[in-house]
Amino acid sequence: MKNQKFIPALGYDALSIYYDAIIRLTMPEREFRKRLINWIDPKNSDQILEFGFGTGQNLLLLAQQNRQAKVSGVDIDPKIKHIAETKFARVGIDIPLYLYDGKTLPFPENSFDKVFSSLVFHQLDRNTKLHCLNEILRVLKPNGHLIIGDWGKAKSKWMRIKFLLVQLLDGFATTTDNVNGLMPTYIKNAGFVGVSEVDFINTKIGTYSYYIAQKP
């Protein structure tokens, strides 16, 4: 099945190799990733999936924090998968990574205790946001948890102005709903309960928000 069109990391395929460097320059990387891992809170028996693993940095930190948790990732971009696999091989950690067609996640229903995602949903249009959330709901176990870290409602006018750089790279059509604070609405519309923005951190290019929710 042919892959659905997607927006690469940083908006352009040629920039993917610079993704980690750009994140280090524009965001408080250690802090925002630490908070994300804390909200995921990996337990020994957890089956955890990252939706849109990118260069694999979150999975790497997650595996290092709890080696008993079973972590894996899925992404649509073959080039970024190669970057992540190279990173894992360099440090000697084996984390299963999967590609999918942008439509159906390659897992049966009720597969995971937790699914998390970081800096992915702002790259998706409205229909794709909802479709992906529906797929995540499907593969989560009952009472399983969703954790999303992504651009959220700007916490000040200055944060809103800074976020224009992200919008120029990734497109206004996909990012506007994020900066308008609509992610919780999409998560609720997909059927999740207990939806809440639980934290945020201001960066050099906008407000990064943390959302949690649960499958009924």
N, C-alpha and C. Protein backbone atom coordinates (compact mmCIF):
# COMPACT_ATOMS: atom_id res chain seq x y z
N MET A 1 0.86 -1.20 0.00
CA MET A 1 0.00 0.00 0.00
C MET A 1 0.89 1.25 0.00
N LYS A 2 0.60 2.15 -0.85
CA LYS A 2 1.42 3.36 -0.95
C LYS A 2 1.24 4.25 0.26
N ASN A 3 2.36 4.80 0.75
CA ASN A 3 2.30 5.66 1.92
C ASN A 3 1.56 6.95 1.64
N GLN A 4 0.80 7.39 2.62
CA GLN A 4 0.13 8.68 2.55
C GLN A 4 1.18 9.78 2.54
N LYS A 5 0.89 10.89 1.86
CA LYS A 5 1.81 12.02 1.88
C LYS A 5 1.96 12.52 3.30
N PHE A 6 3.18 12.97 3.64
CA PHE A 6 3.43 13.44 5.00
C PHE A 6 4.40 14.61 4.96
N ILE A 7 4.39 15.38 6.06
CA ILE A 7 5.34 16.48 6.22
C ILE A 7 6.55 15.95 6.97
N PRO A 8 7.74 15.97 6.40
CA PRO A 8 8.93 15.47 7.10
C PRO A 8 9.29 16.35 8.29
N ALA A 9 10.20 15.84 9.10
CA ALA A 9 10.72 16.62 10.22
C ALA A 9 11.25 17.95 9.70
N LEU A 10 10.92 19.04 10.37
CA LEU A 10 11.30 20.41 10.00
C LEU A 10 10.67 20.86 8.68
N GLY A 11 9.70 20.09 8.20
CA GLY A 11 8.94 20.53 7.04
C GLY A 11 9.50 20.12 5.70
N TYR A 12 10.80 19.80 5.63
CA TYR A 12 11.44 19.46 4.36
C TYR A 12 12.33 18.25 4.54
N ASP A 13 12.27 17.31 3.59
CA ASP A 13 13.02 16.06 3.69
C ASP A 13 14.52 16.30 3.87
N ALA A 14 15.05 17.29 3.17
CA ALA A 14 16.50 17.54 3.23
C ALA A 14 16.96 18.02 4.61
N LEU A 15 16.03 18.51 5.42
CA LEU A 15 16.40 19.03 6.74
C LEU A 15 16.37 17.97 7.84
N SER A 16 15.89 16.76 7.52
CA SER A 16 15.71 15.73 8.55
C SER A 16 17.00 15.42 9.30
N ILE A 17 18.12 15.42 8.60
CA ILE A 17 19.39 15.08 9.24
C ILE A 17 19.82 16.13 10.27
N TYR A 18 19.22 17.31 10.20
CA TYR A 18 19.57 18.38 11.13
C TYR A 18 18.57 18.50 12.28
N TYR A 19 17.61 17.57 12.35
CA TYR A 19 16.51 17.71 13.31
C TYR A 19 17.02 17.80 14.75
N ASP A 20 17.88 16.89 15.16
CA ASP A 20 18.36 16.89 16.55
C ASP A 20 19.08 18.19 16.88
N ALA A 21 19.88 18.67 15.95
CA ALA A 21 20.62 19.92 16.19
C ALA A 21 19.68 21.10 16.33
N ILE A 22 18.65 21.16 15.49
CA ILE A 22 17.68 22.26 15.56
C ILE A 22 16.91 22.22 16.88
N ILE A 23 16.54 21.03 17.32
CA ILE A 23 15.84 20.90 18.60
C ILE A 23 16.73 21.42 19.73
N ARG A 24 17.99 21.07 19.70
CA ARG A 24 18.90 21.54 20.76
C ARG A 24 19.03 23.06 20.75
N LEU A 25 18.98 23.66 19.58
CA LEU A 25 19.13 25.11 19.47
C LEU A 25 17.88 25.88 19.86
N THR A 26 16.71 25.31 19.60
CA THR A 26 15.48 26.07 19.74
C THR A 26 14.66 25.73 20.99
N MET A 27 15.00 24.61 21.66
CA MET A 27 14.20 24.17 22.80
C MET A 27 15.09 23.79 23.97
N PRO A 28 14.55 23.87 25.19
CA PRO A 28 15.28 23.35 26.35
C PRO A 28 15.18 21.83 26.35
N GLU A 29 16.02 21.19 25.54
CA GLU A 29 15.82 19.78 25.21
C GLU A 29 15.78 18.87 26.43
N ARG A 30 16.74 19.02 27.31
CA ARG A 30 16.79 18.12 28.47
C ARG A 30 15.51 18.23 29.29
N GLU A 31 15.03 19.46 29.49
CA GLU A 31 13.87 19.67 30.35
C GLU A 31 12.58 19.18 29.69
N PHE A 32 12.36 19.52 28.42
CA PHE A 32 11.08 19.13 27.82
C PHE A 32 11.00 17.62 27.62
N ARG A 33 12.12 16.97 27.34
CA ARG A 33 12.10 15.51 27.21
C ARG A 33 11.95 14.84 28.58
N LYS A 34 12.60 15.39 29.58
CA LYS A 34 12.48 14.83 30.93
C LYS A 34 11.04 14.86 31.41
N ARG A 35 10.36 15.98 31.18
CA ARG A 35 8.96 16.08 31.59
C ARG A 35 8.10 15.09 30.82
N LEU A 36 8.38 14.92 29.53
CA LEU A 36 7.62 13.97 28.74
C LEU A 36 7.76 12.55 29.29
N ILE A 37 9.00 12.14 29.57
CA ILE A 37 9.24 10.80 30.11
C ILE A 37 8.57 10.65 31.47
N ASN A 38 8.60 11.69 32.27
CA ASN A 38 7.95 11.64 33.59
C ASN A 38 6.44 11.43 33.46
N TRP A 39 5.82 12.09 32.48
CA TRP A 39 4.39 11.91 32.29
C TRP A 39 4.07 10.53 31.74
N ILE A 40 4.97 9.96 30.95
CA ILE A 40 4.78 8.59 30.47
C ILE A 40 4.90 7.61 31.63
N ASP A 41 5.84 7.87 32.53
CA ASP A 41 6.01 7.08 33.76
C ASP A 41 6.08 5.58 33.46
N PRO A 42 7.13 5.13 32.78
CA PRO A 42 7.20 3.72 32.35
C PRO A 42 7.32 2.75 33.52
N LYS A 43 6.46 1.74 33.52
CA LYS A 43 6.50 0.68 34.52
C LYS A 43 7.11 -0.58 33.91
N ASN A 44 7.53 -1.50 34.76
CA ASN A 44 8.25 -2.68 34.30
C ASN A 44 7.49 -3.50 33.26
N SER A 45 6.20 -3.62 33.42
CA SER A 45 5.43 -4.49 32.53
C SER A 45 4.77 -3.74 31.38
N ASP A 46 5.00 -2.45 31.27
CA ASP A 46 4.31 -1.64 30.26
C ASP A 46 4.73 -1.99 28.84
N GLN A 47 3.73 -2.06 27.96
CA GLN A 47 3.95 -2.08 26.52
C GLN A 47 3.71 -0.65 26.05
N ILE A 48 4.77 0.01 25.57
CA ILE A 48 4.69 1.44 25.25
C ILE A 48 5.06 1.67 23.79
N LEU A 49 4.23 2.42 23.08
CA LEU A 49 4.47 2.75 21.68
C LEU A 49 4.64 4.26 21.53
N GLU A 50 5.65 4.66 20.75
CA GLU A 50 5.75 6.06 20.36
C GLU A 50 5.18 6.21 18.96
N PHE A 51 4.18 7.07 18.83
CA PHE A 51 3.58 7.37 17.53
C PHE A 51 4.36 8.52 16.91
N GLY A 52 5.11 8.20 15.85
CA GLY A 52 5.97 9.20 15.22
C GLY A 52 7.27 9.33 15.98
N PHE A 53 8.14 8.31 15.89
CA PHE A 53 9.34 8.27 16.73
C PHE A 53 10.43 9.23 16.28
N GLY A 54 10.35 9.77 15.06
CA GLY A 54 11.37 10.73 14.63
C GLY A 54 12.76 10.14 14.68
N THR A 55 13.69 10.88 15.23
CA THR A 55 15.07 10.40 15.30
C THR A 55 15.31 9.45 16.46
N GLY A 56 14.27 9.12 17.21
CA GLY A 56 14.38 8.11 18.25
C GLY A 56 14.86 8.56 19.61
N GLN A 57 15.05 9.86 19.80
CA GLN A 57 15.62 10.33 21.05
C GLN A 57 14.73 10.04 22.26
N ASN A 58 13.42 10.20 22.10
CA ASN A 58 12.52 9.91 23.23
C ASN A 58 12.53 8.43 23.59
N LEU A 59 12.52 7.56 22.58
CA LEU A 59 12.56 6.13 22.84
C LEU A 59 13.85 5.74 23.53
N LEU A 60 14.94 6.35 23.12
CA LEU A 60 16.23 6.06 23.72
C LEU A 60 16.23 6.42 25.20
N LEU A 61 15.74 7.60 25.54
CA LEU A 61 15.67 8.02 26.94
C LEU A 61 14.72 7.15 27.75
N LEU A 62 13.61 6.76 27.12
CA LEU A 62 12.63 5.92 27.79
C LEU A 62 13.22 4.56 28.11
N ALA A 63 13.91 3.96 27.15
CA ALA A 63 14.54 2.66 27.36
C ALA A 63 15.64 2.72 28.42
N GLN A 64 16.35 3.82 28.45
CA GLN A 64 17.41 3.98 29.45
C GLN A 64 16.84 4.16 30.84
N GLN A 65 15.68 4.78 30.95
CA GLN A 65 15.07 5.00 32.26
C GLN A 65 14.50 3.71 32.85
N ASN A 66 13.89 2.88 32.01
CA ASN A 66 13.33 1.63 32.50
C ASN A 66 13.53 0.56 31.44
N ARG A 67 14.54 -0.27 31.61
CA ARG A 67 14.86 -1.29 30.64
C ARG A 67 13.90 -2.47 30.68
N GLN A 68 13.04 -2.53 31.68
CA GLN A 68 12.06 -3.61 31.79
C GLN A 68 10.79 -3.30 30.98
N ALA A 69 10.53 -2.04 30.73
CA ALA A 69 9.38 -1.68 29.90
C ALA A 69 9.66 -2.08 28.45
N LYS A 70 8.64 -2.51 27.75
CA LYS A 70 8.78 -2.92 26.35
C LYS A 70 8.37 -1.75 25.46
N VAL A 71 9.38 -1.07 24.91
CA VAL A 71 9.13 0.13 24.14
C VAL A 71 9.35 -0.14 22.65
N SER A 72 8.56 0.53 21.82
CA SER A 72 8.69 0.41 20.37
C SER A 72 8.16 1.68 19.74
N GLY A 73 8.37 1.83 18.45
CA GLY A 73 7.95 3.05 17.78
C GLY A 73 7.42 2.78 16.39
N VAL A 74 6.57 3.70 15.92
CA VAL A 74 6.04 3.60 14.57
C VAL A 74 6.13 4.98 13.92
N ASP A 75 6.47 5.00 12.63
CA ASP A 75 6.59 6.26 11.91
C ASP A 75 6.28 6.00 10.44
N ILE A 76 6.06 7.06 9.71
CA ILE A 76 5.73 6.96 8.29
C ILE A 76 6.93 7.21 7.38
N ASP A 77 8.02 7.70 7.95
CA ASP A 77 9.15 8.21 7.17
C ASP A 77 10.33 7.23 7.18
N PRO A 78 10.63 6.56 6.06
CA PRO A 78 11.75 5.61 6.02
C PRO A 78 13.10 6.26 6.31
N LYS A 79 13.28 7.49 5.87
CA LYS A 79 14.57 8.16 6.10
C LYS A 79 14.80 8.40 7.58
N ILE A 80 13.77 8.84 8.29
CA ILE A 80 13.93 9.11 9.71
C ILE A 80 14.10 7.81 10.49
N LYS A 81 13.52 6.73 10.00
CA LYS A 81 13.70 5.41 10.63
C LYS A 81 15.16 5.00 10.58
N HIS A 82 15.80 5.23 9.45
CA HIS A 82 17.22 4.90 9.31
C HIS A 82 18.07 5.72 10.29
N ILE A 83 17.74 7.00 10.44
CA ILE A 83 18.47 7.85 11.39
C ILE A 83 18.33 7.31 12.80
N ALA A 84 17.12 6.93 13.19
CA ALA A 84 16.89 6.40 14.54
C ALA A 84 17.61 5.08 14.74
N GLU A 85 17.55 4.19 13.77
CA GLU A 85 18.21 2.89 13.90
C GLU A 85 19.72 3.04 14.03
N THR A 86 20.28 3.98 13.30
CA THR A 86 21.72 4.25 13.40
C THR A 86 22.08 4.75 14.80
N LYS A 87 21.23 5.60 15.35
CA LYS A 87 21.46 6.12 16.70
C LYS A 87 21.42 5.00 17.73
N PHE A 88 20.43 4.12 17.62
CA PHE A 88 20.29 3.02 18.57
C PHE A 88 21.49 2.07 18.48
N ALA A 89 21.91 1.76 17.26
CA ALA A 89 23.04 0.86 17.08
C ALA A 89 24.32 1.43 17.69
N ARG A 90 24.45 2.75 17.60
CA ARG A 90 25.65 3.40 18.13
C ARG A 90 25.78 3.23 19.63
N VAL A 91 24.66 3.17 20.35
CA VAL A 91 24.70 3.03 21.81
C VAL A 91 24.36 1.62 22.26
N GLY A 92 24.12 0.71 21.31
CA GLY A 92 23.91 -0.69 21.65
C GLY A 92 22.57 -1.01 22.27
N ILE A 93 21.52 -0.28 21.86
CA ILE A 93 20.17 -0.54 22.36
C ILE A 93 19.28 -0.97 21.20
N ASP A 94 18.55 -2.06 21.41
CA ASP A 94 17.68 -2.59 20.37
C ASP A 94 16.23 -2.22 20.69
N ILE A 95 15.64 -1.35 19.87
CA ILE A 95 14.26 -0.92 20.04
C ILE A 95 13.53 -1.18 18.73
N PRO A 96 12.47 -1.98 18.75
CA PRO A 96 11.74 -2.27 17.52
C PRO A 96 11.10 -1.00 16.93
N LEU A 97 11.33 -0.78 15.64
CA LEU A 97 10.75 0.35 14.93
C LEU A 97 9.97 -0.16 13.73
N TYR A 98 8.79 0.42 13.54
CA TYR A 98 7.91 -0.01 12.47
C TYR A 98 7.55 1.17 11.57
N LEU A 99 7.37 0.87 10.28
CA LEU A 99 6.82 1.84 9.34
C LEU A 99 5.36 1.52 9.09
N TYR A 100 4.57 2.55 8.80
CA TYR A 100 3.18 2.30 8.43
C TYR A 100 2.77 3.24 7.30
N ASP A 101 1.60 2.97 6.75
CA ASP A 101 1.19 3.65 5.53
C ASP A 101 0.47 4.97 5.77
N GLY A 102 0.39 5.41 7.03
CA GLY A 102 -0.31 6.64 7.35
C GLY A 102 -1.79 6.45 7.54
N LYS A 103 -2.25 5.21 7.41
CA LYS A 103 -3.69 4.94 7.52
C LYS A 103 -4.00 4.00 8.69
N THR A 104 -3.41 2.81 8.67
CA THR A 104 -3.71 1.81 9.69
C THR A 104 -2.43 1.42 10.42
N LEU A 105 -2.42 1.58 11.73
CA LEU A 105 -1.25 1.17 12.51
C LEU A 105 -1.11 -0.35 12.44
N PRO A 106 0.13 -0.86 12.30
CA PRO A 106 0.34 -2.30 12.08
C PRO A 106 0.31 -3.12 13.37
N PHE A 107 -0.73 -2.90 14.17
CA PHE A 107 -0.87 -3.61 15.44
C PHE A 107 -2.34 -3.96 15.65
N PRO A 108 -2.60 -5.08 16.33
CA PRO A 108 -3.99 -5.42 16.63
C PRO A 108 -4.57 -4.53 17.72
N GLU A 109 -5.87 -4.63 17.89
CA GLU A 109 -6.54 -3.88 18.95
C GLU A 109 -5.98 -4.26 20.31
N ASN A 110 -6.01 -3.29 21.23
CA ASN A 110 -5.66 -3.53 22.64
C ASN A 110 -4.23 -4.07 22.81
N SER A 111 -3.28 -3.47 22.11
CA SER A 111 -1.89 -3.94 22.15
C SER A 111 -1.02 -3.24 23.19
N PHE A 112 -1.34 -1.99 23.53
CA PHE A 112 -0.41 -1.18 24.32
C PHE A 112 -1.05 -0.61 25.57
N ASP A 113 -0.23 -0.52 26.61
CA ASP A 113 -0.66 0.14 27.85
C ASP A 113 -0.60 1.65 27.71
N LYS A 114 0.39 2.13 26.94
CA LYS A 114 0.58 3.56 26.77
C LYS A 114 1.03 3.84 25.35
N VAL A 115 0.50 4.89 24.78
CA VAL A 115 0.98 5.41 23.49
C VAL A 115 1.32 6.88 23.72
N PHE A 116 2.49 7.29 23.26
CA PHE A 116 2.85 8.70 23.40
C PHE A 116 3.34 9.24 22.07
N SER A 117 3.35 10.55 21.99
CA SER A 117 3.74 11.23 20.76
C SER A 117 4.30 12.59 21.09
N SER A 118 5.31 13.01 20.34
CA SER A 118 5.91 14.32 20.57
C SER A 118 6.17 15.01 19.24
N LEU A 119 5.65 16.21 19.11
CA LEU A 119 5.89 17.06 17.94
C LEU A 119 5.51 16.38 16.63
N VAL A 120 4.37 15.71 16.65
CA VAL A 120 3.84 15.06 15.46
C VAL A 120 2.51 15.67 15.02
N PHE A 121 1.59 15.86 15.96
CA PHE A 121 0.23 16.22 15.59
C PHE A 121 0.12 17.60 14.95
N HIS A 122 1.07 18.49 15.22
CA HIS A 122 1.01 19.80 14.58
C HIS A 122 1.33 19.72 13.09
N GLN A 123 1.82 18.56 12.63
CA GLN A 123 2.12 18.37 11.21
C GLN A 123 0.96 17.73 10.45
N LEU A 124 -0.14 17.44 11.16
CA LEU A 124 -1.26 16.74 10.55
C LEU A 124 -2.45 17.68 10.36
N ASP A 125 -3.16 17.52 9.25
CA ASP A 125 -4.37 18.32 9.06
C ASP A 125 -5.48 17.80 9.98
N ARG A 126 -6.62 18.49 10.00
CA ARG A 126 -7.68 18.17 10.96
C ARG A 126 -8.16 16.73 10.83
N ASN A 127 -8.45 16.31 9.61
CA ASN A 127 -8.96 14.96 9.42
C ASN A 127 -7.94 13.91 9.80
N THR A 128 -6.68 14.17 9.48
CA THR A 128 -5.63 13.21 9.80
C THR A 128 -5.38 13.17 11.30
N LYS A 129 -5.45 14.31 11.98
CA LYS A 129 -5.35 14.31 13.43
C LYS A 129 -6.36 13.35 14.04
N LEU A 130 -7.61 13.50 13.65
CA LEU A 130 -8.67 12.68 14.22
C LEU A 130 -8.50 11.21 13.84
N HIS A 131 -8.14 10.96 12.59
CA HIS A 131 -7.94 9.58 12.16
C HIS A 131 -6.83 8.91 12.97
N CYS A 132 -5.72 9.59 13.16
CA CYS A 132 -4.60 9.02 13.92
C CYS A 132 -4.98 8.79 15.38
N LEU A 133 -5.74 9.70 15.95
CA LEU A 133 -6.19 9.52 17.33
C LEU A 133 -7.13 8.32 17.42
N ASN A 134 -7.97 8.12 16.42
CA ASN A 134 -8.83 6.94 16.40
C ASN A 134 -8.02 5.65 16.33
N GLU A 135 -6.96 5.65 15.54
CA GLU A 135 -6.10 4.49 15.43
C GLU A 135 -5.37 4.23 16.75
N ILE A 136 -4.90 5.28 17.38
CA ILE A 136 -4.23 5.12 18.68
C ILE A 136 -5.20 4.55 19.70
N LEU A 137 -6.44 5.04 19.70
CA LEU A 137 -7.46 4.51 20.61
C LEU A 137 -7.66 3.01 20.36
N ARG A 138 -7.66 2.62 19.12
CA ARG A 138 -7.86 1.21 18.77
C ARG A 138 -6.76 0.32 19.34
N VAL A 139 -5.51 0.74 19.23
CA VAL A 139 -4.40 -0.13 19.65
C VAL A 139 -4.11 -0.04 21.14
N LEU A 140 -4.67 0.93 21.83
CA LEU A 140 -4.52 1.00 23.28
C LEU A 140 -5.40 -0.05 23.95
N LYS A 141 -4.91 -0.59 25.06
CA LYS A 141 -5.72 -1.47 25.89
C LYS A 141 -6.78 -0.65 26.62
N PRO A 142 -7.88 -1.27 27.04
CA PRO A 142 -8.84 -0.56 27.88
C PRO A 142 -8.15 0.04 29.11
N ASN A 143 -8.47 1.28 29.40
CA ASN A 143 -7.83 2.05 30.49
C ASN A 143 -6.39 2.43 30.17
N GLY A 144 -5.96 2.19 28.92
CA GLY A 144 -4.62 2.60 28.51
C GLY A 144 -4.52 4.11 28.41
N HIS A 145 -3.30 4.62 28.42
CA HIS A 145 -3.07 6.06 28.50
C HIS A 145 -2.43 6.61 27.22
N LEU A 146 -2.87 7.79 26.86
CA LEU A 146 -2.28 8.57 25.77
C LEU A 146 -1.56 9.76 26.37
N ILE A 147 -0.33 9.99 25.92
CA ILE A 147 0.45 11.15 26.36
C ILE A 147 0.96 11.85 25.10
N ILE A 148 0.60 13.11 24.94
CA ILE A 148 1.04 13.89 23.78
C ILE A 148 1.79 15.13 24.25
N GLY A 149 2.94 15.33 23.67
CA GLY A 149 3.67 16.59 23.84
C GLY A 149 3.75 17.26 22.48
N ASP A 150 3.24 18.48 22.39
CA ASP A 150 3.24 19.15 21.08
C ASP A 150 2.98 20.63 21.28
N TRP A 151 3.07 21.37 20.19
CA TRP A 151 2.78 22.79 20.26
C TRP A 151 1.33 22.99 20.67
N GLY A 152 1.12 23.85 21.68
CA GLY A 152 -0.21 24.11 22.17
C GLY A 152 -0.53 25.60 22.13
N LYS A 153 -1.57 25.97 22.83
CA LYS A 153 -2.00 27.36 22.85
C LYS A 153 -0.88 28.24 23.40
N ALA A 154 -0.54 29.26 22.66
CA ALA A 154 0.54 30.16 23.08
C ALA A 154 0.18 30.81 24.41
N LYS A 155 1.12 30.80 25.35
CA LYS A 155 0.85 31.31 26.69
C LYS A 155 1.10 32.82 26.82
N SER A 156 1.54 33.43 25.73
CA SER A 156 1.72 34.88 25.71
C SER A 156 1.75 35.34 24.26
N LYS A 157 1.60 36.65 24.05
CA LYS A 157 1.68 37.19 22.70
C LYS A 157 3.06 36.94 22.08
N TRP A 158 4.08 37.01 22.92
CA TRP A 158 5.44 36.79 22.44
C TRP A 158 5.63 35.36 21.97
N MET A 159 5.04 34.39 22.72
CA MET A 159 5.10 32.99 22.29
C MET A 159 4.36 32.81 20.97
N ARG A 160 3.25 33.52 20.80
CA ARG A 160 2.50 33.40 19.55
C ARG A 160 3.32 33.92 18.37
N ILE A 161 4.01 35.02 18.57
CA ILE A 161 4.85 35.57 17.50
C ILE A 161 5.99 34.61 17.16
N LYS A 162 6.62 34.05 18.19
CA LYS A 162 7.72 33.11 17.96
C LYS A 162 7.28 31.89 17.18
N PHE A 163 6.04 31.47 17.42
CA PHE A 163 5.53 30.25 16.79
C PHE A 163 5.37 30.41 15.28
N LEU A 164 5.40 31.62 14.78
CA LEU A 164 5.28 31.84 13.34
C LEU A 164 6.39 31.13 12.57
N LEU A 165 7.56 30.97 13.18
CA LEU A 165 8.65 30.26 12.51
C LEU A 165 8.26 28.81 12.25
N VAL A 166 7.65 28.16 13.27
CA VAL A 166 7.19 26.79 13.09
C VAL A 166 6.14 26.73 11.99
N GLN A 167 5.25 27.70 11.98
CA GLN A 167 4.19 27.69 10.98
C GLN A 167 4.73 27.89 9.56
N LEU A 168 5.77 28.69 9.43
CA LEU A 168 6.39 28.89 8.12
C LEU A 168 7.02 27.60 7.61
N LEU A 169 7.58 26.79 8.52
CA LEU A 169 8.22 25.53 8.14
C LEU A 169 7.20 24.43 7.89
N ASP A 170 6.25 24.27 8.81
CA ASP A 170 5.34 23.13 8.78
C ASP A 170 3.98 23.44 8.17
N GLY A 171 3.70 24.72 7.93
CA GLY A 171 2.45 25.08 7.28
C GLY A 171 1.40 25.58 8.24
N PHE A 172 0.69 26.63 7.84
CA PHE A 172 -0.35 27.21 8.69
C PHE A 172 -1.57 26.29 8.77
N ALA A 173 -1.84 25.55 7.72
CA ALA A 173 -3.05 24.71 7.68
C ALA A 173 -3.04 23.65 8.77
N THR A 174 -1.86 23.10 9.08
CA THR A 174 -1.77 22.02 10.08
C THR A 174 -1.50 22.55 11.48
N THR A 175 -0.85 23.68 11.60
CA THR A 175 -0.39 24.15 12.92
C THR A 175 -1.37 25.09 13.63
N THR A 176 -2.28 25.71 12.88
CA THR A 176 -3.14 26.73 13.48
C THR A 176 -4.03 26.18 14.59
N ASP A 177 -4.59 24.98 14.39
CA ASP A 177 -5.43 24.39 15.43
C ASP A 177 -4.65 24.13 16.71
N ASN A 178 -3.39 23.75 16.57
CA ASN A 178 -2.56 23.54 17.77
C ASN A 178 -2.40 24.81 18.56
N VAL A 179 -1.98 25.87 17.88
CA VAL A 179 -1.70 27.12 18.60
C VAL A 179 -2.99 27.78 19.11
N ASN A 180 -4.12 27.38 18.54
CA ASN A 180 -5.41 27.85 19.05
C ASN A 180 -5.93 26.99 20.20
N GLY A 181 -5.15 25.99 20.60
CA GLY A 181 -5.51 25.18 21.77
C GLY A 181 -6.58 24.14 21.53
N LEU A 182 -6.68 23.62 20.30
CA LEU A 182 -7.76 22.70 19.97
C LEU A 182 -7.39 21.22 20.12
N MET A 183 -6.15 20.90 20.47
CA MET A 183 -5.79 19.49 20.61
C MET A 183 -6.67 18.74 21.60
N PRO A 184 -6.98 19.29 22.78
CA PRO A 184 -7.87 18.55 23.70
C PRO A 184 -9.23 18.22 23.08
N THR A 185 -9.75 19.12 22.25
CA THR A 185 -11.02 18.87 21.59
C THR A 185 -10.93 17.68 20.65
N TYR A 186 -9.86 17.62 19.87
CA TYR A 186 -9.68 16.49 18.96
C TYR A 186 -9.55 15.18 19.73
N ILE A 187 -8.81 15.21 20.83
CA ILE A 187 -8.61 13.99 21.62
C ILE A 187 -9.95 13.51 22.19
N LYS A 188 -10.75 14.42 22.69
CA LYS A 188 -12.08 14.06 23.20
C LYS A 188 -12.97 13.51 22.08
N ASN A 189 -12.94 14.17 20.92
CA ASN A 189 -13.77 13.74 19.80
C ASN A 189 -13.42 12.34 19.31
N ALA A 190 -12.18 11.90 19.56
CA ALA A 190 -11.76 10.56 19.16
C ALA A 190 -12.26 9.49 20.13
N GLY A 191 -12.79 9.92 21.28
CA GLY A 191 -13.35 8.96 22.22
C GLY A 191 -12.57 8.78 23.51
N PHE A 192 -11.53 9.57 23.70
CA PHE A 192 -10.77 9.49 24.94
C PHE A 192 -11.50 10.20 26.08
N VAL A 193 -11.20 9.79 27.29
CA VAL A 193 -11.76 10.43 28.49
C VAL A 193 -10.62 10.97 29.35
N GLY A 194 -10.98 11.81 30.32
CA GLY A 194 -9.97 12.36 31.22
C GLY A 194 -8.94 13.21 30.51
N VAL A 195 -9.37 13.90 29.47
CA VAL A 195 -8.44 14.68 28.65
C VAL A 195 -8.06 15.96 29.38
N SER A 196 -6.76 16.23 29.46
CA SER A 196 -6.31 17.41 30.19
C SER A 196 -4.95 17.88 29.68
N GLU A 197 -4.79 19.20 29.63
CA GLU A 197 -3.44 19.76 29.45
C GLU A 197 -2.83 19.87 30.83
N VAL A 198 -1.80 19.10 31.09
CA VAL A 198 -1.28 18.97 32.45
C VAL A 198 -0.03 19.78 32.71
N ASP A 199 0.59 20.29 31.65
CA ASP A 199 1.86 20.99 31.83
C ASP A 199 2.18 21.72 30.54
N PHE A 200 3.12 22.64 30.60
CA PHE A 200 3.63 23.28 29.39
C PHE A 200 5.01 23.84 29.69
N ILE A 201 5.74 24.10 28.62
CA ILE A 201 7.04 24.73 28.76
C ILE A 201 7.21 25.70 27.59
N ASN A 202 7.61 26.93 27.87
CA ASN A 202 7.84 27.90 26.80
C ASN A 202 9.24 27.72 26.24
N THR A 203 9.34 27.75 24.92
CA THR A 203 10.61 27.54 24.23
C THR A 203 10.94 28.78 23.39
N LYS A 204 12.01 28.70 22.65
CA LYS A 204 12.40 29.82 21.79
C LYS A 204 11.48 29.97 20.58
N ILE A 205 10.64 28.96 20.33
CA ILE A 205 9.79 29.02 19.13
C ILE A 205 8.32 28.73 19.43
N GLY A 206 7.92 28.79 20.70
CA GLY A 206 6.52 28.59 21.02
C GLY A 206 6.30 27.84 22.30
N THR A 207 5.03 27.58 22.62
CA THR A 207 4.65 26.88 23.84
C THR A 207 4.44 25.40 23.54
N TYR A 208 5.23 24.56 24.20
CA TYR A 208 5.12 23.11 24.08
C TYR A 208 4.25 22.62 25.23
N SER A 209 3.12 21.99 24.90
CA SER A 209 2.15 21.57 25.91
C SER A 209 2.11 20.05 26.05
N TYR A 210 1.72 19.61 27.25
CA TYR A 210 1.61 18.18 27.55
C TYR A 210 0.14 17.85 27.79
N TYR A 211 -0.35 16.85 27.05
CA TYR A 211 -1.74 16.42 27.19
C TYR A 211 -1.77 14.95 27.61
N ILE A 212 -2.71 14.63 28.50
CA ILE A 212 -2.90 13.22 28.85
C ILE A 212 -4.37 12.87 28.67
N ALA A 213 -4.63 11.59 28.40
CA ALA A 213 -5.99 11.12 28.22
C ALA A 213 -5.98 9.60 28.44
N GLN A 214 -7.18 9.02 28.48
CA GLN A 214 -7.31 7.60 28.76
C GLN A 214 -8.35 6.97 27.85
N LYS A 215 -8.10 5.72 27.45
CA LYS A 215 -9.10 4.96 26.72
C LYS A 215 -10.12 4.42 27.72
N PRO A 216 -11.40 4.59 27.46
CA PRO A 216 -12.40 4.07 28.41
C PRO A 216 -12.29 2.56 28.62
